[in-house]
Amino acid sequence: MSDTDDLTLDEIRALLAPILPRHAAFDGWRPQAVAMAAQEQGIDGDVAQLAFADGAVGMIDAWFASIDAAMLDALPAEQLSALSIRRRIIALVEARLDLLAPDREALRRALAVLAMPNNVVHAGKLGWRAADAMWRAAGDTATDLNHYTKRMTLSAVYASTLLVFVNDDSDDHADSRAFLARRVEDVMRFEKAKAKFRNAGGGERLSLARFVGRLRYPAI
C-alpha cells in the first residue's frame, strides 16, 4: 500500500497544490495539470481529479492557499516583529513574489482565468484572503472599520503589483519591488489621512472609494 492511499481529498489537494503551477504553465489550469501532478506524487489520477472537481478556479485557489502558508513559513512572527508596519507589509508581499517567481507563466494564466466575468467574485475572495493573511502576519488586530479598509487597500495593492510582476523582466524584479514600495507608501499616507479625517469628524467614506480606485489604476 502506498503512503498516499489513505489521504483524504483535502490532503491530496494540499499535497498537489504547490506542484500544479509547473504543469499549468504548459497545460493550462486544466485536468491535464492535475493528472501530471498526481503522477509525480504517486496519487491515483481519478482520485486527484475528484480533489479538484471545482476545476481551474479550485486549482488556483489551492495554489494560492499554499502560497499563503509558505509566506508564513518564510517570515515567522519573531522575524517580522523587528520591522515597522510598512516594512512588514512590504516584506510579506515580496515574500509572495519570490514564491510565485518560478511559476510566472502559470500565474499569468491564473490571472487570466480569474479575470473572466464568472470568476470575478472568487478572485475578489482570493485577494481578500491574501490581504487578510498578510495583515494578520503583520500583527494587525483591528476589529472596527479599519479591519476592512486595511484589507481592501492591501488587496488592491497586491492585485496591481501582480499585474506588474507577471511582465517584469528587470533584475530581481526590481521594477515590481519599486512599484510595490510606492503603493505601500500610498497606503501609509492614506492611513494618516484617515486619522486626520476621524479627528476632524468625517469624510472617510468618500475618500476611500477614490483611493482604492487609484491603487488599482495608478496614474501613469
N, C-alpha and C. Protein backbone atom coordinates (compact mmCIF):
# COMPACT_ATOMS: atom_id res chain seq x y z
N MET A 1 0.85 -1.20 0.00
CA MET A 1 0.00 0.00 0.00
C MET A 1 0.88 1.25 0.00
N SER A 2 0.55 2.20 -0.84
CA SER A 2 1.30 3.45 -0.91
C SER A 2 1.00 4.33 0.29
N ASP A 3 1.97 5.21 0.64
CA ASP A 3 1.77 6.14 1.74
C ASP A 3 0.66 7.14 1.44
N THR A 4 0.32 7.28 0.16
CA THR A 4 -0.69 8.26 -0.23
C THR A 4 -2.10 7.67 -0.31
N ASP A 5 -2.22 6.36 -0.12
CA ASP A 5 -3.52 5.71 -0.32
C ASP A 5 -4.57 6.13 0.70
N ASP A 6 -4.13 6.52 1.89
CA ASP A 6 -5.07 6.86 2.95
C ASP A 6 -5.33 8.36 3.08
N LEU A 7 -4.82 9.13 2.14
CA LEU A 7 -5.01 10.58 2.22
C LEU A 7 -6.45 10.95 1.89
N THR A 8 -6.96 11.95 2.59
CA THR A 8 -8.29 12.48 2.26
C THR A 8 -8.18 13.35 1.01
N LEU A 9 -9.32 13.72 0.44
CA LEU A 9 -9.31 14.59 -0.74
C LEU A 9 -8.68 15.95 -0.40
N ASP A 10 -8.96 16.47 0.79
CA ASP A 10 -8.36 17.74 1.18
C ASP A 10 -6.84 17.62 1.31
N GLU A 11 -6.38 16.49 1.83
CA GLU A 11 -4.93 16.28 1.97
C GLU A 11 -4.27 16.13 0.60
N ILE A 12 -4.94 15.46 -0.31
CA ILE A 12 -4.43 15.33 -1.68
C ILE A 12 -4.36 16.69 -2.35
N ARG A 13 -5.40 17.46 -2.14
CA ARG A 13 -5.45 18.82 -2.70
C ARG A 13 -4.26 19.65 -2.21
N ALA A 14 -4.01 19.59 -0.90
CA ALA A 14 -2.90 20.35 -0.32
C ALA A 14 -1.55 19.83 -0.80
N LEU A 15 -1.43 18.53 -1.00
CA LEU A 15 -0.18 17.93 -1.45
C LEU A 15 0.15 18.33 -2.89
N LEU A 16 -0.88 18.36 -3.73
CA LEU A 16 -0.65 18.64 -5.15
C LEU A 16 -0.61 20.13 -5.47
N ALA A 17 -1.21 20.95 -4.62
CA ALA A 17 -1.35 22.38 -4.92
C ALA A 17 -0.03 23.06 -5.29
N PRO A 18 1.07 22.87 -4.54
CA PRO A 18 2.30 23.57 -4.90
C PRO A 18 2.93 23.07 -6.20
N ILE A 19 2.54 21.88 -6.65
CA ILE A 19 3.12 21.28 -7.85
C ILE A 19 2.34 21.67 -9.10
N LEU A 20 1.07 21.97 -8.94
CA LEU A 20 0.20 22.25 -10.07
C LEU A 20 0.72 23.33 -11.01
N PRO A 21 1.26 24.45 -10.49
CA PRO A 21 1.64 25.52 -11.42
C PRO A 21 2.71 25.15 -12.42
N ARG A 22 3.63 24.28 -12.05
CA ARG A 22 4.69 23.91 -13.01
C ARG A 22 4.11 23.16 -14.21
N HIS A 23 2.99 22.48 -13.99
CA HIS A 23 2.31 21.79 -15.10
C HIS A 23 1.29 22.70 -15.78
N ALA A 24 0.66 23.58 -15.00
CA ALA A 24 -0.30 24.52 -15.58
C ALA A 24 0.37 25.50 -16.52
N ALA A 25 1.65 25.75 -16.31
CA ALA A 25 2.38 26.64 -17.20
C ALA A 25 2.39 26.11 -18.64
N PHE A 26 2.34 24.79 -18.78
CA PHE A 26 2.35 24.17 -20.11
C PHE A 26 0.97 23.70 -20.55
N ASP A 27 0.22 23.12 -19.62
CA ASP A 27 -1.07 22.51 -19.95
C ASP A 27 -2.26 23.40 -19.63
N GLY A 28 -2.01 24.57 -19.02
CA GLY A 28 -3.10 25.41 -18.58
C GLY A 28 -3.70 24.86 -17.29
N TRP A 29 -4.62 25.62 -16.72
CA TRP A 29 -5.27 25.17 -15.48
C TRP A 29 -6.41 24.23 -15.85
N ARG A 30 -6.00 23.04 -16.28
CA ARG A 30 -6.93 22.04 -16.80
C ARG A 30 -6.65 20.69 -16.15
N PRO A 31 -7.53 19.71 -16.37
CA PRO A 31 -7.33 18.39 -15.75
C PRO A 31 -5.98 17.76 -16.07
N GLN A 32 -5.40 18.09 -17.23
CA GLN A 32 -4.09 17.53 -17.57
C GLN A 32 -3.04 17.90 -16.53
N ALA A 33 -3.11 19.13 -16.01
CA ALA A 33 -2.14 19.56 -14.99
C ALA A 33 -2.32 18.75 -13.71
N VAL A 34 -3.56 18.47 -13.35
CA VAL A 34 -3.83 17.64 -12.17
C VAL A 34 -3.28 16.24 -12.38
N ALA A 35 -3.50 15.69 -13.57
CA ALA A 35 -3.03 14.33 -13.87
C ALA A 35 -1.51 14.24 -13.76
N MET A 36 -0.80 15.24 -14.29
CA MET A 36 0.66 15.22 -14.25
C MET A 36 1.17 15.37 -12.81
N ALA A 37 0.54 16.26 -12.04
CA ALA A 37 0.95 16.44 -10.65
C ALA A 37 0.68 15.18 -9.83
N ALA A 38 -0.46 14.53 -10.10
CA ALA A 38 -0.80 13.30 -9.39
C ALA A 38 0.20 12.20 -9.70
N GLN A 39 0.57 12.08 -10.95
CA GLN A 39 1.55 11.06 -11.35
C GLN A 39 2.89 11.31 -10.65
N GLU A 40 3.25 12.56 -10.54
CA GLU A 40 4.52 12.93 -9.91
C GLU A 40 4.55 12.51 -8.44
N GLN A 41 3.40 12.56 -7.78
CA GLN A 41 3.31 12.26 -6.35
C GLN A 41 2.79 10.85 -6.07
N GLY A 42 2.55 10.07 -7.10
CA GLY A 42 2.06 8.71 -6.90
C GLY A 42 0.63 8.65 -6.41
N ILE A 43 -0.18 9.64 -6.80
CA ILE A 43 -1.59 9.70 -6.43
C ILE A 43 -2.43 9.13 -7.58
N ASP A 44 -3.44 8.35 -7.24
CA ASP A 44 -4.35 7.84 -8.26
C ASP A 44 -4.96 9.01 -9.02
N GLY A 45 -4.89 8.96 -10.35
CA GLY A 45 -5.34 10.08 -11.17
C GLY A 45 -6.80 10.40 -11.00
N ASP A 46 -7.65 9.39 -10.91
CA ASP A 46 -9.09 9.62 -10.77
C ASP A 46 -9.40 10.28 -9.43
N VAL A 47 -8.70 9.84 -8.38
CA VAL A 47 -8.91 10.43 -7.06
C VAL A 47 -8.44 11.89 -7.05
N ALA A 48 -7.33 12.14 -7.72
CA ALA A 48 -6.81 13.51 -7.80
C ALA A 48 -7.82 14.43 -8.50
N GLN A 49 -8.44 13.91 -9.55
CA GLN A 49 -9.44 14.73 -10.25
C GLN A 49 -10.62 15.05 -9.34
N LEU A 50 -10.99 14.10 -8.49
CA LEU A 50 -12.06 14.36 -7.53
C LEU A 50 -11.68 15.47 -6.55
N ALA A 51 -10.40 15.51 -6.18
CA ALA A 51 -9.94 16.54 -5.24
C ALA A 51 -10.03 17.93 -5.86
N PHE A 52 -10.01 17.99 -7.18
CA PHE A 52 -10.10 19.27 -7.87
C PHE A 52 -11.32 19.30 -8.79
N ALA A 53 -12.43 18.79 -8.25
CA ALA A 53 -13.67 18.76 -9.02
C ALA A 53 -14.21 20.16 -9.30
N ASP A 54 -13.69 21.17 -8.56
CA ASP A 54 -14.14 22.54 -8.79
C ASP A 54 -13.37 23.23 -9.91
N GLY A 55 -12.58 22.47 -10.65
CA GLY A 55 -11.98 22.98 -11.88
C GLY A 55 -10.83 23.95 -11.70
N ALA A 56 -10.65 24.80 -12.72
CA ALA A 56 -9.49 25.70 -12.77
C ALA A 56 -9.44 26.64 -11.58
N VAL A 57 -10.57 27.23 -11.21
CA VAL A 57 -10.58 28.16 -10.09
C VAL A 57 -10.20 27.44 -8.79
N GLY A 58 -10.67 26.21 -8.63
CA GLY A 58 -10.30 25.44 -7.45
C GLY A 58 -8.82 25.12 -7.41
N MET A 59 -8.24 24.83 -8.56
CA MET A 59 -6.80 24.57 -8.63
C MET A 59 -6.00 25.82 -8.24
N ILE A 60 -6.42 26.95 -8.79
CA ILE A 60 -5.74 28.22 -8.48
C ILE A 60 -5.92 28.58 -7.01
N ASP A 61 -7.12 28.38 -6.50
CA ASP A 61 -7.41 28.62 -5.09
C ASP A 61 -6.46 27.82 -4.21
N ALA A 62 -6.30 26.54 -4.51
CA ALA A 62 -5.43 25.67 -3.71
C ALA A 62 -3.97 26.12 -3.80
N TRP A 63 -3.54 26.52 -5.00
CA TRP A 63 -2.17 27.01 -5.16
C TRP A 63 -1.94 28.27 -4.32
N PHE A 64 -2.87 29.22 -4.41
CA PHE A 64 -2.73 30.46 -3.65
C PHE A 64 -2.76 30.19 -2.15
N ALA A 65 -3.54 29.20 -1.72
CA ALA A 65 -3.55 28.83 -0.30
C ALA A 65 -2.18 28.31 0.13
N SER A 66 -1.53 27.56 -0.77
CA SER A 66 -0.19 27.06 -0.45
C SER A 66 0.82 28.20 -0.38
N ILE A 67 0.60 29.26 -1.18
CA ILE A 67 1.46 30.45 -1.11
C ILE A 67 1.25 31.16 0.23
N ASP A 68 -0.01 31.24 0.68
CA ASP A 68 -0.29 31.83 2.00
C ASP A 68 0.53 31.13 3.08
N ALA A 69 0.49 29.80 3.06
CA ALA A 69 1.19 29.01 4.09
C ALA A 69 2.70 29.17 3.97
N ALA A 70 3.21 29.12 2.74
CA ALA A 70 4.66 29.24 2.54
C ALA A 70 5.16 30.62 2.94
N MET A 71 4.34 31.65 2.71
CA MET A 71 4.71 33.01 3.12
C MET A 71 4.92 33.08 4.63
N LEU A 72 4.02 32.46 5.39
CA LEU A 72 4.13 32.47 6.85
C LEU A 72 5.36 31.70 7.31
N ASP A 73 5.70 30.62 6.60
CA ASP A 73 6.90 29.85 6.94
C ASP A 73 8.16 30.67 6.65
N ALA A 74 8.12 31.44 5.56
CA ALA A 74 9.30 32.22 5.16
C ALA A 74 9.55 33.40 6.10
N LEU A 75 8.47 33.94 6.69
CA LEU A 75 8.61 35.11 7.56
C LEU A 75 7.90 34.85 8.89
N PRO A 76 8.55 34.14 9.80
CA PRO A 76 7.93 33.88 11.11
C PRO A 76 7.72 35.17 11.90
N ALA A 77 6.83 35.11 12.87
CA ALA A 77 6.44 36.30 13.63
C ALA A 77 7.64 36.98 14.29
N GLU A 78 8.57 36.20 14.81
CA GLU A 78 9.70 36.82 15.50
C GLU A 78 10.58 37.63 14.55
N GLN A 79 10.62 37.24 13.29
CA GLN A 79 11.39 37.99 12.29
C GLN A 79 10.67 39.28 11.92
N LEU A 80 9.36 39.20 11.77
CA LEU A 80 8.59 40.38 11.40
C LEU A 80 8.51 41.40 12.52
N SER A 81 8.55 40.93 13.75
CA SER A 81 8.34 41.83 14.89
C SER A 81 9.40 42.91 14.99
N ALA A 82 10.55 42.69 14.38
CA ALA A 82 11.62 43.68 14.44
C ALA A 82 11.45 44.79 13.42
N LEU A 83 10.44 44.67 12.55
CA LEU A 83 10.24 45.63 11.46
C LEU A 83 9.10 46.58 11.77
N SER A 84 9.11 47.73 11.11
CA SER A 84 7.97 48.64 11.17
C SER A 84 6.81 48.02 10.40
N ILE A 85 5.60 48.54 10.61
CA ILE A 85 4.44 48.01 9.89
C ILE A 85 4.63 48.12 8.38
N ARG A 86 5.14 49.25 7.92
CA ARG A 86 5.38 49.43 6.49
C ARG A 86 6.31 48.34 5.97
N ARG A 87 7.41 48.12 6.67
CA ARG A 87 8.38 47.12 6.23
C ARG A 87 7.82 45.71 6.33
N ARG A 88 6.96 45.45 7.32
CA ARG A 88 6.34 44.13 7.42
C ARG A 88 5.49 43.83 6.19
N ILE A 89 4.66 44.79 5.80
CA ILE A 89 3.79 44.58 4.65
C ILE A 89 4.60 44.39 3.38
N ILE A 90 5.61 45.23 3.19
CA ILE A 90 6.46 45.09 2.01
C ILE A 90 7.15 43.73 2.01
N ALA A 91 7.68 43.32 3.16
CA ALA A 91 8.38 42.04 3.24
C ALA A 91 7.44 40.88 2.93
N LEU A 92 6.20 40.96 3.40
CA LEU A 92 5.24 39.88 3.17
C LEU A 92 4.85 39.79 1.70
N VAL A 93 4.61 40.93 1.07
CA VAL A 93 4.27 40.90 -0.37
C VAL A 93 5.47 40.42 -1.17
N GLU A 94 6.67 40.91 -0.82
CA GLU A 94 7.87 40.47 -1.55
C GLU A 94 8.11 38.99 -1.37
N ALA A 95 7.81 38.45 -0.19
CA ALA A 95 7.94 37.00 0.02
C ALA A 95 7.02 36.24 -0.93
N ARG A 96 5.81 36.77 -1.11
CA ARG A 96 4.87 36.14 -2.04
C ARG A 96 5.41 36.19 -3.48
N LEU A 97 5.98 37.33 -3.85
CA LEU A 97 6.54 37.45 -5.20
C LEU A 97 7.67 36.45 -5.41
N ASP A 98 8.52 36.28 -4.40
CA ASP A 98 9.61 35.32 -4.50
C ASP A 98 9.08 33.90 -4.66
N LEU A 99 8.00 33.59 -3.96
CA LEU A 99 7.40 32.25 -4.05
C LEU A 99 6.73 32.03 -5.40
N LEU A 100 6.18 33.09 -5.97
CA LEU A 100 5.50 32.99 -7.26
C LEU A 100 6.45 33.05 -8.45
N ALA A 101 7.65 33.60 -8.23
CA ALA A 101 8.58 33.87 -9.33
C ALA A 101 8.89 32.66 -10.21
N PRO A 102 9.08 31.45 -9.65
CA PRO A 102 9.40 30.31 -10.53
C PRO A 102 8.23 29.91 -11.44
N ASP A 103 7.04 30.42 -11.15
CA ASP A 103 5.85 29.98 -11.88
C ASP A 103 5.10 31.18 -12.47
N ARG A 104 5.84 32.12 -13.03
CA ARG A 104 5.18 33.33 -13.53
C ARG A 104 4.24 33.04 -14.70
N GLU A 105 4.58 32.07 -15.54
CA GLU A 105 3.69 31.76 -16.65
C GLU A 105 2.38 31.16 -16.12
N ALA A 106 2.48 30.30 -15.13
CA ALA A 106 1.26 29.76 -14.51
C ALA A 106 0.46 30.86 -13.85
N LEU A 107 1.15 31.83 -13.23
CA LEU A 107 0.47 32.97 -12.61
C LEU A 107 -0.24 33.80 -13.67
N ARG A 108 0.42 34.05 -14.78
CA ARG A 108 -0.20 34.81 -15.86
C ARG A 108 -1.48 34.13 -16.33
N ARG A 109 -1.42 32.82 -16.48
CA ARG A 109 -2.60 32.07 -16.90
C ARG A 109 -3.68 32.10 -15.81
N ALA A 110 -3.24 32.04 -14.56
CA ALA A 110 -4.20 32.06 -13.44
C ALA A 110 -4.93 33.40 -13.39
N LEU A 111 -4.19 34.50 -13.57
CA LEU A 111 -4.83 35.81 -13.54
C LEU A 111 -5.82 35.97 -14.69
N ALA A 112 -5.51 35.37 -15.85
CA ALA A 112 -6.44 35.42 -16.98
C ALA A 112 -7.72 34.65 -16.65
N VAL A 113 -7.58 33.51 -15.99
CA VAL A 113 -8.76 32.74 -15.58
C VAL A 113 -9.60 33.53 -14.59
N LEU A 114 -8.95 34.12 -13.60
CA LEU A 114 -9.66 34.84 -12.56
C LEU A 114 -10.31 36.13 -13.08
N ALA A 115 -9.80 36.65 -14.19
CA ALA A 115 -10.35 37.88 -14.76
C ALA A 115 -11.63 37.62 -15.55
N MET A 116 -11.96 36.37 -15.80
CA MET A 116 -13.18 36.05 -16.53
C MET A 116 -14.39 36.49 -15.70
N PRO A 117 -15.44 37.02 -16.37
CA PRO A 117 -16.58 37.59 -15.63
C PRO A 117 -17.18 36.64 -14.59
N ASN A 118 -17.27 35.36 -14.90
CA ASN A 118 -17.89 34.42 -13.96
C ASN A 118 -16.98 34.07 -12.79
N ASN A 119 -15.72 34.52 -12.82
CA ASN A 119 -14.78 34.22 -11.74
C ASN A 119 -14.40 35.44 -10.91
N VAL A 120 -14.95 36.60 -11.24
CA VAL A 120 -14.53 37.84 -10.59
C VAL A 120 -14.81 37.81 -9.08
N VAL A 121 -15.95 37.28 -8.68
CA VAL A 121 -16.29 37.24 -7.25
C VAL A 121 -15.28 36.37 -6.51
N HIS A 122 -14.96 35.20 -7.08
CA HIS A 122 -14.00 34.31 -6.43
C HIS A 122 -12.62 34.96 -6.40
N ALA A 123 -12.26 35.66 -7.46
CA ALA A 123 -10.97 36.37 -7.49
C ALA A 123 -10.89 37.38 -6.35
N GLY A 124 -11.99 38.10 -6.12
CA GLY A 124 -12.02 39.06 -5.03
C GLY A 124 -11.83 38.40 -3.68
N LYS A 125 -12.43 37.22 -3.51
CA LYS A 125 -12.28 36.48 -2.26
C LYS A 125 -10.84 36.05 -2.05
N LEU A 126 -10.18 35.63 -3.12
CA LEU A 126 -8.78 35.21 -3.00
C LEU A 126 -7.88 36.39 -2.66
N GLY A 127 -8.16 37.55 -3.27
CA GLY A 127 -7.39 38.75 -2.95
C GLY A 127 -7.58 39.16 -1.51
N TRP A 128 -8.82 39.08 -1.03
CA TRP A 128 -9.11 39.42 0.36
C TRP A 128 -8.40 38.45 1.30
N ARG A 129 -8.43 37.15 0.96
CA ARG A 129 -7.80 36.14 1.81
C ARG A 129 -6.29 36.40 1.93
N ALA A 130 -5.65 36.74 0.80
CA ALA A 130 -4.22 37.03 0.83
C ALA A 130 -3.94 38.25 1.68
N ALA A 131 -4.75 39.30 1.51
CA ALA A 131 -4.55 40.53 2.28
C ALA A 131 -4.77 40.27 3.77
N ASP A 132 -5.78 39.47 4.09
CA ASP A 132 -6.05 39.14 5.49
C ASP A 132 -4.88 38.37 6.10
N ALA A 133 -4.34 37.41 5.35
CA ALA A 133 -3.19 36.64 5.84
C ALA A 133 -2.01 37.54 6.11
N MET A 134 -1.79 38.50 5.22
CA MET A 134 -0.65 39.41 5.39
C MET A 134 -0.85 40.34 6.58
N TRP A 135 -2.04 40.91 6.72
CA TRP A 135 -2.26 41.81 7.84
C TRP A 135 -2.19 41.07 9.17
N ARG A 136 -2.72 39.86 9.22
CA ARG A 136 -2.63 39.09 10.46
C ARG A 136 -1.17 38.77 10.79
N ALA A 137 -0.40 38.39 9.77
CA ALA A 137 1.01 38.11 9.98
C ALA A 137 1.76 39.36 10.45
N ALA A 138 1.30 40.51 9.98
CA ALA A 138 1.93 41.78 10.36
C ALA A 138 1.55 42.22 11.76
N GLY A 139 0.60 41.48 12.39
CA GLY A 139 0.22 41.77 13.76
C GLY A 139 -1.03 42.62 13.90
N ASP A 140 -1.77 42.82 12.82
CA ASP A 140 -2.97 43.64 12.89
C ASP A 140 -4.05 42.96 13.72
N THR A 141 -4.64 43.71 14.63
CA THR A 141 -5.71 43.17 15.48
C THR A 141 -6.98 44.02 15.40
N ALA A 142 -7.06 44.90 14.42
CA ALA A 142 -8.21 45.79 14.29
C ALA A 142 -9.50 44.98 14.09
N THR A 143 -10.56 45.42 14.73
CA THR A 143 -11.86 44.76 14.58
C THR A 143 -12.94 45.74 14.13
N ASP A 144 -12.60 47.00 14.00
CA ASP A 144 -13.58 48.01 13.58
C ASP A 144 -13.50 48.21 12.07
N LEU A 145 -13.90 49.35 11.57
CA LEU A 145 -13.86 49.62 10.14
C LEU A 145 -12.46 49.47 9.58
N ASN A 146 -11.45 49.76 10.39
CA ASN A 146 -10.06 49.64 9.93
C ASN A 146 -9.74 48.22 9.45
N HIS A 147 -10.35 47.21 10.10
CA HIS A 147 -10.13 45.83 9.69
C HIS A 147 -10.44 45.67 8.21
N TYR A 148 -11.50 46.28 7.76
CA TYR A 148 -11.96 46.12 6.38
C TYR A 148 -11.21 47.04 5.41
N THR A 149 -10.99 48.29 5.83
CA THR A 149 -10.30 49.20 4.91
C THR A 149 -8.85 48.79 4.68
N LYS A 150 -8.20 48.26 5.71
CA LYS A 150 -6.81 47.81 5.54
C LYS A 150 -6.74 46.67 4.54
N ARG A 151 -7.66 45.74 4.63
CA ARG A 151 -7.65 44.58 3.72
C ARG A 151 -8.07 44.99 2.31
N MET A 152 -8.99 45.92 2.22
CA MET A 152 -9.41 46.39 0.91
C MET A 152 -8.25 47.07 0.18
N THR A 153 -7.55 47.94 0.89
CA THR A 153 -6.46 48.66 0.24
C THR A 153 -5.29 47.73 -0.07
N LEU A 154 -4.97 46.81 0.83
CA LEU A 154 -3.85 45.91 0.57
C LEU A 154 -4.18 44.94 -0.56
N SER A 155 -5.41 44.47 -0.65
CA SER A 155 -5.76 43.57 -1.76
C SER A 155 -5.63 44.30 -3.08
N ALA A 156 -5.95 45.61 -3.11
CA ALA A 156 -5.78 46.40 -4.33
C ALA A 156 -4.30 46.58 -4.66
N VAL A 157 -3.50 46.84 -3.63
CA VAL A 157 -2.04 46.96 -3.82
C VAL A 157 -1.47 45.65 -4.37
N TYR A 158 -1.86 44.55 -3.77
CA TYR A 158 -1.34 43.25 -4.18
C TYR A 158 -1.75 42.92 -5.61
N ALA A 159 -3.01 43.16 -5.94
CA ALA A 159 -3.50 42.85 -7.29
C ALA A 159 -2.76 43.67 -8.34
N SER A 160 -2.59 44.96 -8.07
CA SER A 160 -1.90 45.81 -9.05
C SER A 160 -0.43 45.43 -9.16
N THR A 161 0.19 45.02 -8.05
CA THR A 161 1.60 44.59 -8.09
C THR A 161 1.75 43.32 -8.91
N LEU A 162 0.81 42.39 -8.78
CA LEU A 162 0.88 41.16 -9.57
C LEU A 162 0.81 41.45 -11.06
N LEU A 163 0.00 42.42 -11.45
CA LEU A 163 -0.12 42.76 -12.87
C LEU A 163 1.20 43.30 -13.41
N VAL A 164 1.94 44.03 -12.57
CA VAL A 164 3.28 44.49 -12.97
C VAL A 164 4.25 43.31 -12.98
N PHE A 165 4.17 42.49 -11.96
CA PHE A 165 5.11 41.40 -11.74
C PHE A 165 5.12 40.38 -12.90
N VAL A 166 3.97 40.03 -13.44
CA VAL A 166 3.93 38.97 -14.46
C VAL A 166 4.65 39.38 -15.74
N ASN A 167 4.86 40.68 -15.93
CA ASN A 167 5.55 41.16 -17.13
C ASN A 167 6.88 41.84 -16.80
N ASP A 168 7.38 41.63 -15.61
CA ASP A 168 8.58 42.31 -15.14
C ASP A 168 9.82 41.47 -15.43
N ASP A 169 10.68 41.96 -16.32
CA ASP A 169 11.91 41.25 -16.65
C ASP A 169 13.14 41.95 -16.08
N SER A 170 12.95 42.89 -15.17
CA SER A 170 14.08 43.57 -14.54
C SER A 170 14.81 42.62 -13.60
N ASP A 171 16.06 42.96 -13.29
CA ASP A 171 16.87 42.13 -12.40
C ASP A 171 16.20 42.02 -11.03
N ASP A 172 16.03 40.77 -10.57
CA ASP A 172 15.42 40.50 -9.27
C ASP A 172 14.07 41.20 -9.13
N HIS A 173 13.39 41.37 -10.27
CA HIS A 173 12.06 42.01 -10.28
C HIS A 173 12.09 43.36 -9.57
N ALA A 174 13.15 44.12 -9.86
CA ALA A 174 13.32 45.42 -9.20
C ALA A 174 12.17 46.37 -9.49
N ASP A 175 11.64 46.31 -10.71
CA ASP A 175 10.54 47.22 -11.07
C ASP A 175 9.30 46.92 -10.24
N SER A 176 9.03 45.63 -10.02
CA SER A 176 7.87 45.25 -9.20
C SER A 176 8.06 45.69 -7.76
N ARG A 177 9.26 45.54 -7.26
CA ARG A 177 9.53 45.92 -5.87
C ARG A 177 9.40 47.44 -5.70
N ALA A 178 9.88 48.19 -6.70
CA ALA A 178 9.75 49.65 -6.62
C ALA A 178 8.28 50.07 -6.71
N PHE A 179 7.53 49.42 -7.60
CA PHE A 179 6.10 49.70 -7.71
C PHE A 179 5.39 49.41 -6.39
N LEU A 180 5.71 48.26 -5.80
CA LEU A 180 5.12 47.88 -4.51
C LEU A 180 5.42 48.92 -3.45
N ALA A 181 6.68 49.35 -3.37
CA ALA A 181 7.06 50.33 -2.34
C ALA A 181 6.27 51.62 -2.49
N ARG A 182 6.05 52.05 -3.74
CA ARG A 182 5.27 53.27 -3.96
C ARG A 182 3.82 53.09 -3.53
N ARG A 183 3.24 51.93 -3.85
CA ARG A 183 1.84 51.69 -3.50
C ARG A 183 1.67 51.59 -1.97
N VAL A 184 2.61 50.93 -1.30
CA VAL A 184 2.53 50.83 0.16
C VAL A 184 2.69 52.21 0.79
N GLU A 185 3.54 53.03 0.23
CA GLU A 185 3.68 54.39 0.73
C GLU A 185 2.36 55.14 0.59
N ASP A 186 1.64 54.90 -0.52
CA ASP A 186 0.31 55.49 -0.68
C ASP A 186 -0.63 55.06 0.44
N VAL A 187 -0.56 53.76 0.78
CA VAL A 187 -1.42 53.23 1.85
C VAL A 187 -1.09 53.91 3.17
N MET A 188 0.20 54.05 3.46
CA MET A 188 0.59 54.66 4.73
C MET A 188 0.12 56.11 4.80
N ARG A 189 0.20 56.83 3.67
CA ARG A 189 -0.30 58.20 3.65
C ARG A 189 -1.80 58.23 3.87
N PHE A 190 -2.49 57.24 3.28
CA PHE A 190 -3.94 57.16 3.43
C PHE A 190 -4.32 56.90 4.89
N GLU A 191 -3.56 56.01 5.55
CA GLU A 191 -3.85 55.72 6.96
C GLU A 191 -3.69 56.99 7.81
N LYS A 192 -2.68 57.79 7.49
CA LYS A 192 -2.51 59.05 8.21
C LYS A 192 -3.66 60.01 7.92
N ALA A 193 -4.08 60.03 6.64
CA ALA A 193 -5.19 60.91 6.27
C ALA A 193 -6.47 60.48 6.97
N LYS A 194 -6.68 59.16 7.10
CA LYS A 194 -7.88 58.67 7.79
C LYS A 194 -7.91 59.16 9.23
N ALA A 195 -6.75 59.12 9.87
CA ALA A 195 -6.69 59.57 11.26
C ALA A 195 -7.06 61.05 11.35
N LYS A 196 -6.60 61.84 10.39
CA LYS A 196 -6.93 63.27 10.39
C LYS A 196 -8.42 63.47 10.17
N PHE A 197 -9.00 62.67 9.23
CA PHE A 197 -10.43 62.78 8.96
C PHE A 197 -11.24 62.42 10.20
N ARG A 198 -10.80 61.36 10.89
CA ARG A 198 -11.53 60.95 12.10
C ARG A 198 -11.50 62.06 13.15
N ASN A 199 -10.33 62.66 13.27
CA ASN A 199 -10.20 63.74 14.24
C ASN A 199 -11.01 64.97 13.84
N ALA A 200 -11.14 65.15 12.51
CA ALA A 200 -11.88 66.31 12.02
C ALA A 200 -13.38 66.04 11.94
N GLY A 201 -13.76 64.74 12.06
CA GLY A 201 -15.19 64.43 12.12
C GLY A 201 -15.81 63.90 10.86
N GLY A 202 -15.04 63.41 9.87
CA GLY A 202 -15.73 62.77 8.75
C GLY A 202 -14.98 62.80 7.45
N GLY A 203 -15.67 62.41 6.37
CA GLY A 203 -15.14 62.42 5.01
C GLY A 203 -14.52 61.13 4.58
N GLU A 204 -14.46 60.10 5.45
CA GLU A 204 -13.70 58.90 5.11
C GLU A 204 -14.34 58.10 4.00
N ARG A 205 -15.65 57.96 4.03
CA ARG A 205 -16.29 57.06 3.08
C ARG A 205 -16.06 57.50 1.65
N LEU A 206 -16.13 58.80 1.40
CA LEU A 206 -15.96 59.28 0.05
C LEU A 206 -14.53 59.09 -0.43
N SER A 207 -13.57 59.39 0.41
CA SER A 207 -12.18 59.30 0.00
C SER A 207 -11.74 57.86 -0.18
N LEU A 208 -12.34 56.90 0.53
CA LEU A 208 -11.93 55.51 0.44
C LEU A 208 -12.13 54.95 -0.96
N ALA A 209 -13.30 55.15 -1.53
CA ALA A 209 -13.58 54.62 -2.86
C ALA A 209 -12.62 55.22 -3.89
N ARG A 210 -12.38 56.52 -3.77
CA ARG A 210 -11.47 57.18 -4.71
C ARG A 210 -10.05 56.65 -4.55
N PHE A 211 -9.64 56.45 -3.31
CA PHE A 211 -8.28 55.98 -3.07
C PHE A 211 -8.05 54.56 -3.60
N VAL A 212 -9.00 53.65 -3.34
CA VAL A 212 -8.87 52.28 -3.82
C VAL A 212 -8.82 52.26 -5.35
N GLY A 213 -9.63 53.11 -5.98
CA GLY A 213 -9.58 53.20 -7.44
C GLY A 213 -8.22 53.62 -7.93
N ARG A 214 -7.60 54.55 -7.23
CA ARG A 214 -6.26 55.00 -7.64
C ARG A 214 -5.22 53.90 -7.44
N LEU A 215 -5.41 53.06 -6.44
CA LEU A 215 -4.47 51.94 -6.24
C LEU A 215 -4.56 50.95 -7.37
N ARG A 216 -5.78 50.66 -7.81
CA ARG A 216 -5.97 49.67 -8.88
C ARG A 216 -5.56 50.23 -10.23
N TYR A 217 -5.75 51.55 -10.42
CA TYR A 217 -5.45 52.17 -11.70
C TYR A 217 -4.59 53.41 -11.47
N PRO A 218 -3.33 53.19 -11.07
CA PRO A 218 -2.48 54.34 -10.73
C PRO A 218 -2.21 55.20 -11.96
N ALA A 219 -2.00 56.49 -11.72
CA ALA A 219 -1.68 57.38 -12.81
C ALA A 219 -0.35 57.01 -13.44
N ILE A 220 -0.28 57.10 -14.73
CA ILE A 220 0.96 56.77 -15.45
C ILE A 220 1.85 58.02 -15.48
